[in-house]
Protein backbone atom coordinates (compact mmCIF):
# COMPACT_ATOMS: atom_id res chain seq x y z
CA MET A 1 59.48 -101.20 139.64
CA ALA A 2 56.48 -99.85 137.82
CA LYS A 3 53.62 -102.29 137.27
CA GLY A 4 52.23 -102.87 133.80
CA THR A 5 49.32 -105.06 132.79
CA LYS A 6 48.84 -108.77 133.50
CA GLY A 7 51.98 -109.01 135.63
CA VAL A 8 54.29 -107.34 133.11
CA LEU A 9 56.41 -104.47 134.41
CA THR A 10 56.85 -101.18 132.62
CA ALA A 11 60.07 -99.20 132.59
CA VAL A 12 60.91 -97.43 135.84
CA LYS A 13 62.42 -94.51 133.97
CA LYS A 14 62.28 -93.66 130.28
CA VAL A 15 65.52 -93.23 128.37
CA ARG A 16 66.47 -89.64 127.69
CA GLY A 17 66.88 -88.67 124.05
CA GLY A 18 67.29 -91.46 121.54
CA VAL A 19 65.62 -91.73 118.16
CA LYS A 20 62.78 -93.59 116.53
CA VAL A 21 64.18 -95.75 113.76
CA ASP A 22 62.51 -97.93 111.17
CA HIS A 23 63.39 -101.34 112.62
CA ARG A 24 62.95 -103.34 109.38
CA LYS A 25 62.90 -106.73 111.11
CA ASN A 26 62.54 -108.57 107.82
CA THR A 27 63.89 -111.89 109.11
CA ALA A 28 61.91 -112.03 112.36
CA ASP A 29 59.81 -114.98 111.18
CA LEU A 30 62.75 -116.93 109.75
CA GLU A 31 64.17 -119.71 111.91
CA VAL A 32 67.94 -119.89 112.23
CA VAL A 33 69.47 -122.29 109.69
CA ARG A 34 72.92 -123.83 109.93
CA ILE A 35 75.22 -123.27 106.97
CA PRO A 36 77.18 -126.19 105.46
CA THR A 37 80.61 -126.78 106.96
CA PRO A 38 83.00 -124.25 105.38
CA ALA A 39 86.12 -125.48 103.58
CA LYS A 40 88.25 -123.47 105.99
CA VAL A 41 87.95 -121.05 108.87
CA VAL A 42 90.27 -118.26 109.94
CA ILE A 43 89.97 -117.78 113.70
CA PRO A 44 91.48 -114.53 115.06
CA MET A 45 93.04 -114.42 118.50
CA ALA A 46 91.52 -110.98 119.18
CA MET A 47 87.74 -111.41 119.41
CA HIS A 48 87.01 -109.66 122.67
CA ILE A 49 87.68 -106.54 124.69
CA GLY A 50 90.96 -107.00 126.58
CA ALA A 51 94.13 -108.96 125.96
CA PRO A 52 94.27 -111.06 122.78
CA CYS A 53 95.04 -114.75 123.02
CA GLU A 54 98.22 -116.49 121.90
CA PRO A 55 97.91 -119.55 119.63
CA VAL A 56 98.53 -122.87 121.41
CA VAL A 57 98.58 -124.91 118.18
CA LYS A 58 101.01 -124.96 115.26
CA VAL A 59 100.89 -125.61 111.54
CA GLY A 60 100.28 -129.30 110.83
CA ASP A 61 98.33 -129.99 114.03
CA THR A 62 95.07 -131.89 113.74
CA VAL A 63 92.27 -130.29 115.75
CA ALA A 64 88.66 -131.12 116.58
CA VAL A 65 85.61 -128.95 117.28
CA GLY A 66 85.84 -127.40 120.73
CA GLN A 67 89.58 -127.96 121.14
CA LEU A 68 91.52 -125.06 122.68
CA ILE A 69 93.58 -123.21 120.07
CA GLY A 70 94.23 -119.88 121.81
CA ASP A 71 94.48 -118.60 125.37
CA SER A 72 95.92 -115.86 127.56
CA ASP A 73 97.01 -115.57 131.19
CA LYS A 74 95.53 -112.05 131.36
CA PHE A 75 92.37 -111.63 133.41
CA VAL A 76 90.41 -109.64 130.81
CA SER A 77 90.52 -112.23 128.06
CA ALA A 78 88.66 -115.35 126.91
CA PRO A 79 89.96 -118.63 125.45
CA ILE A 80 89.36 -119.51 121.80
CA HIS A 81 88.44 -122.92 120.40
CA ALA A 82 88.44 -124.66 117.04
CA SER A 83 85.10 -124.26 115.27
CA VAL A 84 85.67 -127.07 112.73
CA SER A 85 87.69 -130.26 112.74
CA GLY A 86 90.66 -130.51 110.41
CA THR A 87 94.27 -129.43 110.03
CA VAL A 88 95.95 -126.19 111.04
CA THR A 89 97.43 -124.79 107.82
CA ALA A 90 98.54 -121.33 108.94
CA VAL A 91 99.26 -119.29 112.06
CA GLY A 92 99.79 -115.67 111.13
CA ASP A 93 98.36 -112.19 110.93
CA VAL A 94 94.96 -111.34 109.43
CA LYS A 95 92.95 -108.13 109.11
CA LEU A 96 89.83 -107.85 111.27
CA PRO A 97 86.59 -106.11 110.24
CA ASN A 98 87.65 -103.04 112.27
CA GLY A 99 90.85 -102.73 110.22
CA MET A 100 93.16 -103.91 113.01
CA MET A 101 95.60 -106.77 112.56
CA SER A 102 95.48 -109.91 114.71
CA LYS A 103 97.18 -113.26 114.95
CA ALA A 104 94.90 -115.98 113.64
CA VAL A 105 94.73 -119.75 113.25
CA THR A 106 93.60 -121.08 109.86
CA ILE A 107 92.01 -124.54 109.85
CA GLU A 108 91.31 -126.52 106.69
CA SER A 109 88.15 -128.48 107.42
CA ASP A 110 87.96 -132.26 107.00
CA GLY A 111 84.18 -131.93 106.68
CA GLU A 112 83.55 -134.23 109.63
CA MET A 113 82.92 -131.67 112.41
CA ARG A 114 84.35 -134.14 114.94
CA LEU A 115 83.97 -133.05 118.55
CA TRP A 116 87.11 -132.91 120.67
CA GLU A 117 87.26 -135.95 122.91
CA GLY A 118 87.84 -133.81 125.99
CA ILE A 119 84.43 -132.13 125.81
CA LYS A 120 82.26 -132.91 128.82
CA PRO A 121 79.83 -130.94 130.99
CA PRO A 122 81.64 -128.96 133.69
CA VAL A 123 81.19 -129.83 137.35
CA VAL A 124 79.62 -126.75 138.95
CA GLU A 125 78.99 -126.83 142.68
CA THR A 126 80.21 -123.43 143.84
CA ARG A 127 80.32 -119.82 142.69
CA GLU A 128 84.00 -120.27 141.79
CA ASP A 129 83.19 -123.39 139.74
CA PHE A 130 80.58 -121.42 137.83
CA ILE A 131 82.88 -118.50 137.03
CA LYS A 132 85.60 -120.92 135.89
CA ALA A 133 83.11 -122.76 133.68
CA VAL A 134 82.02 -119.50 132.03
CA ARG A 135 85.65 -118.62 131.34
CA ASP A 136 86.44 -122.08 129.98
CA SER A 137 83.47 -121.78 127.61
CA GLY A 138 85.10 -118.83 125.84
CA LEU A 139 81.93 -116.76 126.13
CA VAL A 140 82.04 -113.05 125.37
CA GLY A 141 79.08 -110.71 125.08
CA LEU A 142 77.10 -111.87 122.05
CA GLY A 143 75.17 -108.62 121.73
CA GLY A 144 78.11 -106.97 119.98
CA ALA A 145 80.38 -105.60 122.71
CA GLY A 146 82.54 -108.70 123.07
CA PHE A 147 83.36 -108.20 126.77
CA PRO A 148 84.56 -111.47 128.40
CA THR A 149 81.54 -112.74 130.35
CA HIS A 150 83.51 -114.36 133.16
CA VAL A 151 84.99 -110.94 134.01
CA LYS A 152 81.54 -109.35 134.17
CA LEU A 153 80.23 -112.12 136.45
CA ASN A 154 83.28 -112.26 138.71
CA PHE A 155 82.17 -109.40 140.96
CA ASP A 156 82.79 -109.07 144.68
CA PRO A 157 79.69 -110.50 146.46
CA SER A 158 80.08 -107.87 149.18
CA LYS A 159 79.54 -104.99 146.74
CA GLY A 160 75.75 -105.17 146.89
CA ILE A 161 75.14 -106.22 143.30
CA ASP A 162 71.55 -107.41 143.50
CA THR A 163 69.96 -107.21 140.02
CA LEU A 164 70.54 -109.16 136.82
CA VAL A 165 69.10 -107.47 133.72
CA ILE A 166 68.70 -109.73 130.69
CA ASN A 167 68.78 -107.64 127.54
CA ALA A 168 66.36 -108.83 124.86
CA ALA A 169 65.71 -105.37 123.42
CA GLU A 170 67.59 -105.79 120.11
CA CYS A 171 66.90 -102.18 119.18
CA GLU A 172 69.17 -102.02 116.11
CA PRO A 173 67.36 -102.18 112.75
CA TYR A 174 67.42 -105.45 110.77
CA ILE A 175 68.95 -107.72 113.46
CA THR A 176 66.60 -110.48 114.69
CA VAL A 177 68.81 -113.24 116.16
CA ASP A 178 68.03 -112.32 119.78
CA TYR A 179 64.34 -112.37 118.93
CA ARG A 180 64.78 -115.85 117.44
CA GLU A 181 66.68 -116.92 120.57
CA CYS A 182 63.62 -116.00 122.64
CA ILE A 183 61.28 -117.83 120.26
CA ASP A 184 63.37 -120.95 119.57
CA ASN A 185 65.40 -121.47 122.76
CA SER A 186 63.20 -120.19 125.56
CA TRP A 187 63.95 -123.13 127.85
CA ASP A 188 67.69 -122.49 127.60
CA ILE A 189 66.99 -118.95 128.77
CA LEU A 190 64.78 -120.22 131.59
CA SER A 191 67.38 -122.72 132.79
CA ALA A 192 70.22 -120.22 132.75
CA VAL A 193 68.21 -117.52 134.54
CA TYR A 194 67.77 -119.67 137.63
CA THR A 195 71.29 -121.08 137.51
CA ILE A 196 72.91 -117.63 137.31
CA LYS A 197 70.57 -116.27 139.97
CA GLU A 198 71.38 -119.12 142.35
CA MET A 199 75.14 -119.22 141.73
CA LEU A 200 75.73 -115.47 141.96
CA GLY A 201 73.09 -114.53 144.51
CA PHE A 202 71.03 -112.04 142.53
CA LYS A 203 67.93 -110.89 144.40
CA LYS A 204 66.08 -109.82 141.25
CA VAL A 205 66.14 -110.70 137.56
CA VAL A 206 64.57 -108.40 134.97
CA ILE A 207 64.10 -109.72 131.44
CA ALA A 208 63.68 -106.61 129.30
CA ALA A 209 62.39 -106.46 125.73
CA GLU A 210 60.94 -103.75 123.51
CA ASP A 211 57.18 -103.50 122.98
CA ASN A 212 57.40 -104.28 119.25
CA LYS A 213 58.06 -108.00 119.83
CA PRO A 214 54.71 -109.47 120.99
CA GLU A 215 55.56 -113.12 120.29
CA ALA A 216 58.82 -112.86 122.23
CA PHE A 217 56.86 -111.23 125.05
CA ARG A 218 54.42 -114.10 125.19
CA ILE A 219 57.24 -116.61 125.54
CA LEU A 220 59.34 -114.52 127.92
CA LYS A 221 56.32 -113.98 130.14
CA ARG A 222 56.00 -117.75 130.43
CA ILE A 223 59.59 -117.78 131.71
CA ALA A 224 58.94 -114.97 134.16
CA ASP A 225 55.76 -116.68 135.42
CA ASP A 226 57.46 -120.06 135.95
CA GLN A 227 56.25 -121.81 139.10
CA ALA A 228 59.83 -122.50 140.20
CA ASP A 229 60.10 -118.78 140.98
CA THR A 230 58.13 -119.01 144.22
CA ASP A 231 59.28 -115.58 145.43
CA ASP A 232 58.42 -113.90 142.12
CA GLU A 233 61.95 -112.53 141.76
CA VAL A 234 62.11 -112.94 137.97
CA LYS A 235 60.21 -110.19 136.17
CA LEU A 236 59.46 -109.34 132.55
CA MET A 237 59.67 -105.65 131.61
CA VAL A 238 58.22 -103.97 128.53
CA LEU A 239 60.33 -101.17 127.13
CA GLU A 240 59.39 -98.43 124.71
CA SER A 241 60.58 -99.23 121.21
CA LYS A 242 63.24 -96.56 120.93
CA TYR A 243 66.90 -96.61 119.95
CA PRO A 244 69.35 -97.02 121.81
CA GLN A 245 67.16 -98.70 124.40
CA GLY A 246 69.37 -101.80 124.38
CA ALA A 247 72.57 -100.04 125.49
CA GLU A 248 73.72 -101.24 128.92
CA LYS A 249 73.49 -97.93 130.74
CA MET A 250 70.10 -97.19 129.19
CA MET A 251 68.87 -100.66 130.09
CA VAL A 252 69.89 -100.27 133.74
CA GLN A 253 68.14 -96.93 134.00
CA SER A 254 64.94 -98.26 132.40
CA ALA A 255 64.87 -101.45 134.48
CA THR A 256 65.86 -100.09 137.89
CA GLY A 257 65.82 -96.30 137.79
CA ARG A 258 69.51 -96.30 138.73
CA LYS A 259 71.80 -94.02 136.72
CA VAL A 260 75.27 -95.27 135.86
CA PRO A 261 77.70 -92.35 136.42
CA PRO A 262 80.15 -91.31 133.67
CA GLY A 263 83.13 -93.64 133.55
CA LYS A 264 81.39 -96.27 135.68
CA LEU A 265 79.85 -99.65 134.90
CA PRO A 266 76.42 -101.15 135.72
CA ALA A 267 78.10 -103.10 138.54
CA ASP A 268 78.84 -99.79 140.24
CA VAL A 269 75.08 -99.29 140.77
CA GLY A 270 74.34 -102.90 141.73
CA CYS A 271 73.47 -104.36 138.32
CA VAL A 272 74.82 -106.81 135.78
CA VAL A 273 73.48 -106.72 132.21
CA MET A 274 73.67 -109.79 129.96
CA ASN A 275 72.54 -110.32 126.40
CA VAL A 276 69.79 -112.93 126.06
CA ALA A 277 71.84 -115.05 123.63
CA SER A 278 74.75 -115.10 126.09
CA VAL A 279 72.40 -116.32 128.82
CA ALA A 280 71.01 -119.10 126.62
CA PHE A 281 74.53 -120.19 125.65
CA ILE A 282 75.51 -120.63 129.31
CA SER A 283 72.65 -123.09 129.73
CA ARG A 284 73.79 -125.14 126.75
CA TYR A 285 77.42 -125.12 127.86
CA LEU A 286 76.58 -126.34 131.34
CA LYS A 287 74.61 -129.24 129.83
CA THR A 288 77.10 -130.24 127.12
CA GLY A 289 80.51 -128.70 127.81
CA LYS A 290 80.73 -127.57 124.19
CA PRO A 291 82.42 -124.13 124.12
CA LEU A 292 81.53 -121.12 122.01
CA VAL A 293 82.46 -122.28 118.51
CA SER A 294 79.52 -120.95 116.49
CA ARG A 295 76.99 -118.16 116.64
CA SER A 296 73.77 -116.99 115.02
CA LEU A 297 73.64 -113.84 112.91
CA THR A 298 71.24 -112.00 110.64
CA VAL A 299 72.14 -111.55 106.97
CA ASP A 300 69.98 -108.84 105.41
CA GLY A 301 69.90 -105.59 103.47
CA SER A 302 68.73 -104.47 100.05
CA ALA A 303 71.71 -106.07 98.28
CA ILE A 304 71.21 -109.54 99.79
CA LYS A 305 69.28 -111.90 97.55
CA GLU A 306 67.86 -114.20 100.25
CA PRO A 307 67.93 -112.63 103.75
CA LYS A 308 68.31 -115.25 106.47
CA ASN A 309 69.15 -115.92 110.09
CA VAL A 310 72.09 -118.32 110.00
CA ARG A 311 74.26 -120.31 112.41
CA VAL A 312 77.91 -120.24 111.42
CA PRO A 313 81.22 -121.56 112.81
CA ILE A 314 83.40 -118.80 114.24
CA GLY A 315 85.97 -117.77 111.64
CA THR A 316 83.75 -118.49 108.61
CA ASN A 317 84.46 -116.19 105.69
CA ILE A 318 81.82 -113.47 105.26
CA GLY A 319 81.77 -114.13 101.51
CA ASP A 320 80.84 -117.78 102.11
CA ILE A 321 77.94 -116.72 104.33
CA ILE A 322 76.60 -114.28 101.77
CA GLU A 323 76.91 -116.96 99.08
CA PHE A 324 74.78 -119.27 101.26
CA CYS A 325 72.16 -116.49 101.28
CA GLY A 326 71.97 -116.48 97.48
CA GLY A 327 74.74 -113.94 96.97
CA PHE A 328 74.11 -110.33 96.06
CA SER A 329 70.91 -109.29 94.30
CA LYS A 330 72.47 -105.92 93.45
CA GLU A 331 75.96 -104.49 93.46
CA PRO A 332 76.70 -103.84 97.14
CA TYR A 333 77.51 -100.21 97.85
CA LYS A 334 78.00 -100.62 101.60
CA LEU A 335 78.78 -103.70 103.72
CA ILE A 336 78.38 -103.62 107.49
CA THR A 337 79.08 -106.06 110.30
CA GLY A 338 76.53 -105.42 113.03
CA GLY A 339 73.62 -103.02 112.81
CA PRO A 340 73.37 -99.86 110.69
CA MET A 341 73.56 -97.61 113.76
CA MET A 342 76.63 -98.96 115.57
CA GLY A 343 78.05 -101.53 113.16
CA LEU A 344 81.34 -101.32 111.28
CA ALA A 345 81.55 -100.65 107.56
CA ILE A 346 83.88 -103.13 105.86
CA VAL A 347 85.69 -102.90 102.53
CA GLY A 348 85.10 -106.45 101.30
CA THR A 349 83.79 -109.92 102.12
CA ASP A 350 87.14 -111.68 102.62
CA LEU A 351 86.99 -111.32 106.39
CA PRO A 352 86.21 -113.81 109.18
CA ILE A 353 83.16 -113.80 111.43
CA LEU A 354 84.03 -113.03 115.06
CA LYS A 355 82.31 -114.12 118.26
CA GLN A 356 80.69 -110.71 118.74
CA ASN A 357 79.35 -110.28 115.18
CA ASN A 358 75.54 -110.49 115.20
CA ALA A 359 74.76 -109.39 111.63
CA ILE A 360 76.06 -108.92 108.10
CA LEU A 361 74.23 -106.20 106.17
CA ALA A 362 74.70 -105.29 102.50
CA PHE A 363 73.02 -102.29 100.89
CA ALA A 364 72.57 -101.18 97.32
CA GLU A 365 73.69 -97.66 96.41
CA GLU A 366 70.25 -96.09 96.62
CA ASP A 367 69.91 -97.24 100.24
CA ALA A 368 73.39 -96.30 101.41
CA LEU A 369 74.03 -92.78 100.15
CA LEU A 370 74.99 -90.33 102.87
CA LYS A 371 73.40 -86.93 103.27
CA THR A 372 75.30 -84.11 101.64
CA GLU A 373 77.11 -82.37 104.49
CA THR A 374 76.13 -78.74 104.97
CA ASP A 375 76.81 -76.10 107.60
CA CYS A 376 75.59 -76.64 111.14
CA ILE A 377 72.46 -74.56 111.78
CA ARG A 378 72.70 -74.79 115.59
CA CYS A 379 69.34 -76.54 115.79
CA GLY A 380 70.34 -78.59 118.84
CA ARG A 381 68.81 -81.83 117.57
CA CYS A 382 72.03 -83.75 118.24
CA ALA A 383 72.01 -82.66 121.89
CA MET A 384 68.33 -83.51 122.26
CA ALA A 385 68.92 -86.98 120.80
CA CYS A 386 71.95 -87.81 122.96
CA PRO A 387 70.88 -90.28 125.67
CA LEU A 388 73.90 -89.26 127.77
CA SER A 389 73.12 -85.50 127.75
CA LEU A 390 76.22 -84.57 125.75
CA THR A 391 76.45 -81.68 123.30
CA PRO A 392 78.12 -83.22 120.23
CA THR A 393 78.73 -79.91 118.42
CA ASN A 394 80.86 -78.67 121.33
CA ILE A 395 82.87 -81.90 121.30
CA VAL A 396 83.38 -81.56 117.54
CA ARG A 397 84.68 -78.02 117.98
CA ALA A 398 87.08 -79.10 120.72
CA ALA A 399 88.28 -82.11 118.70
CA LYS A 400 89.08 -79.95 115.68
CA ALA A 401 91.08 -77.65 117.95
CA ARG A 402 92.68 -80.60 119.80
CA ASP A 403 91.55 -78.88 123.00
CA VAL A 404 92.15 -81.74 125.44
CA ASP A 405 91.00 -79.91 128.56
CA THR A 406 87.68 -78.93 127.01
CA MET A 407 87.07 -82.43 125.66
CA LYS A 408 87.61 -83.87 129.13
CA ARG A 409 85.41 -81.26 130.77
CA ILE A 410 82.44 -81.73 128.43
CA GLY A 411 82.59 -85.54 128.53
CA ALA A 412 83.92 -86.71 125.16
CA ASN A 413 84.96 -90.03 126.72
CA VAL A 414 81.41 -90.61 127.96
CA CYS A 415 80.05 -91.00 124.41
CA MET A 416 79.00 -94.58 123.59
CA GLU A 417 78.94 -93.90 119.82
CA CYS A 418 75.29 -94.91 119.45
CA GLY A 419 74.84 -92.63 116.42
CA SER A 420 71.64 -90.95 117.60
CA CYS A 421 73.22 -87.54 117.09
CA ALA A 422 74.29 -88.21 113.50
CA TYR A 423 70.93 -89.80 112.70
CA SER A 424 69.18 -86.62 113.88
CA CYS A 425 71.50 -84.10 112.22
CA PRO A 426 69.81 -82.30 109.29
CA ALA A 427 73.23 -81.04 108.16
CA GLY A 428 74.56 -84.57 107.61
CA LYS A 429 77.53 -84.08 109.94
CA PRO A 430 79.61 -87.25 110.61
CA LEU A 431 79.27 -86.68 114.34
CA VAL A 432 80.14 -90.22 115.46
CA GLN A 433 83.43 -90.05 113.57
CA TYR A 434 84.23 -86.80 115.37
CA MET A 435 83.37 -88.44 118.70
CA ARG A 436 85.82 -91.23 117.88
CA LEU A 437 88.44 -88.68 116.88
CA ALA A 438 87.99 -86.86 120.18
CA LYS A 439 88.43 -90.06 122.17
CA ALA A 440 91.49 -91.01 120.10
CA ILE A 441 93.08 -87.64 120.87
CA LEU A 442 92.41 -88.13 124.57
CA ARG A 443 93.98 -91.61 124.45
CA GLU A 444 97.06 -90.19 122.71
CA GLU A 445 97.46 -87.50 125.35
CA SER A 446 96.97 -89.99 128.16
CA ALA A 447 99.65 -92.29 126.68
CA LYS A 448 102.18 -89.43 126.75
CA LYS A 449 101.92 -89.08 130.52
């Protein structure tokens, strides 16, 4: 690993491509505030990659905070818990921010936020105990991907996985909750780093953050320099402030120099990547036994009257959260869950917050107008910006022709939909949408076989 200054490492290998974006971290200096208990929550059973859960409660049941309300016997899944205390008033289908339908449990709050009596810290003595505890907590990746964390950590010890990379880059514009996690909950991060390292046998831990977060660096360096780390196996790494630096494959390459092959995962090159908020949550769960029932998110954008970082129960209505932030200062032209680069545009505020949502952004018309699409001028900027060395224009051409063989050959499925190509395109082409179309066509063809 390349040495930086004063014990801080610099990236082993710079990310190819990417774009420089205006980060607009307007809420960086705002502490996270907890919203008042909502009158009701709607908790979907599909809040993670993998198999959705099935409700284990019925209408009329009384539930408490942290009580199990959904689970699955599938491996790639994560249990779901009540985020408020009260009465189950509905079990039925709801629309998610991505437009898909999911079963959901609606709970009318009693305003008391009573903890379930069965909550207690887990007993963790072995690797298996630790993996089970992570699953029981309901944790999924809090950086936005929503992959069940217990699956990621349940790797074969004989596979040579030696490096844990903690992702504190937060390279999307506007979002600042990971930054606040570093500032406000540094000791949770510290505690979890050593617990995960000990339980899973990592030889090295790299805490990686972009160079535009000096206060987070000061605090993270204190973690990396902790005297408990007698072998100096926990390192802090400074990364160039460049999007999409925080993507898993990019993070692995920057931190270790290892390249994750197409179709493979970081574990295939000896690494596990975890979001910094996920790491901090593990520490709190091991101390309290309280599962993942709330999360922090940034509420910002030109149409938000009072931008804030807020802590909300899972399933809280997006409209209620925006109302807590003063409502709209202007008529919202575009609403997004997540960041402006990889987030999802939504059609209204009557939607629930999911475990993996890290931001709500609302923009006035003047800040959300798309470029007028014109003809491609073959400038190659999309290919230069692609961190995975794809040529988006070729994929677009193959997708329009439904040329499955060509799409496979030129790597359409490799695209991580970061949006760097579309951001760079002077012709205003909706390149990410074409990438999604290409992958959808490939899925359709695969399902026919």
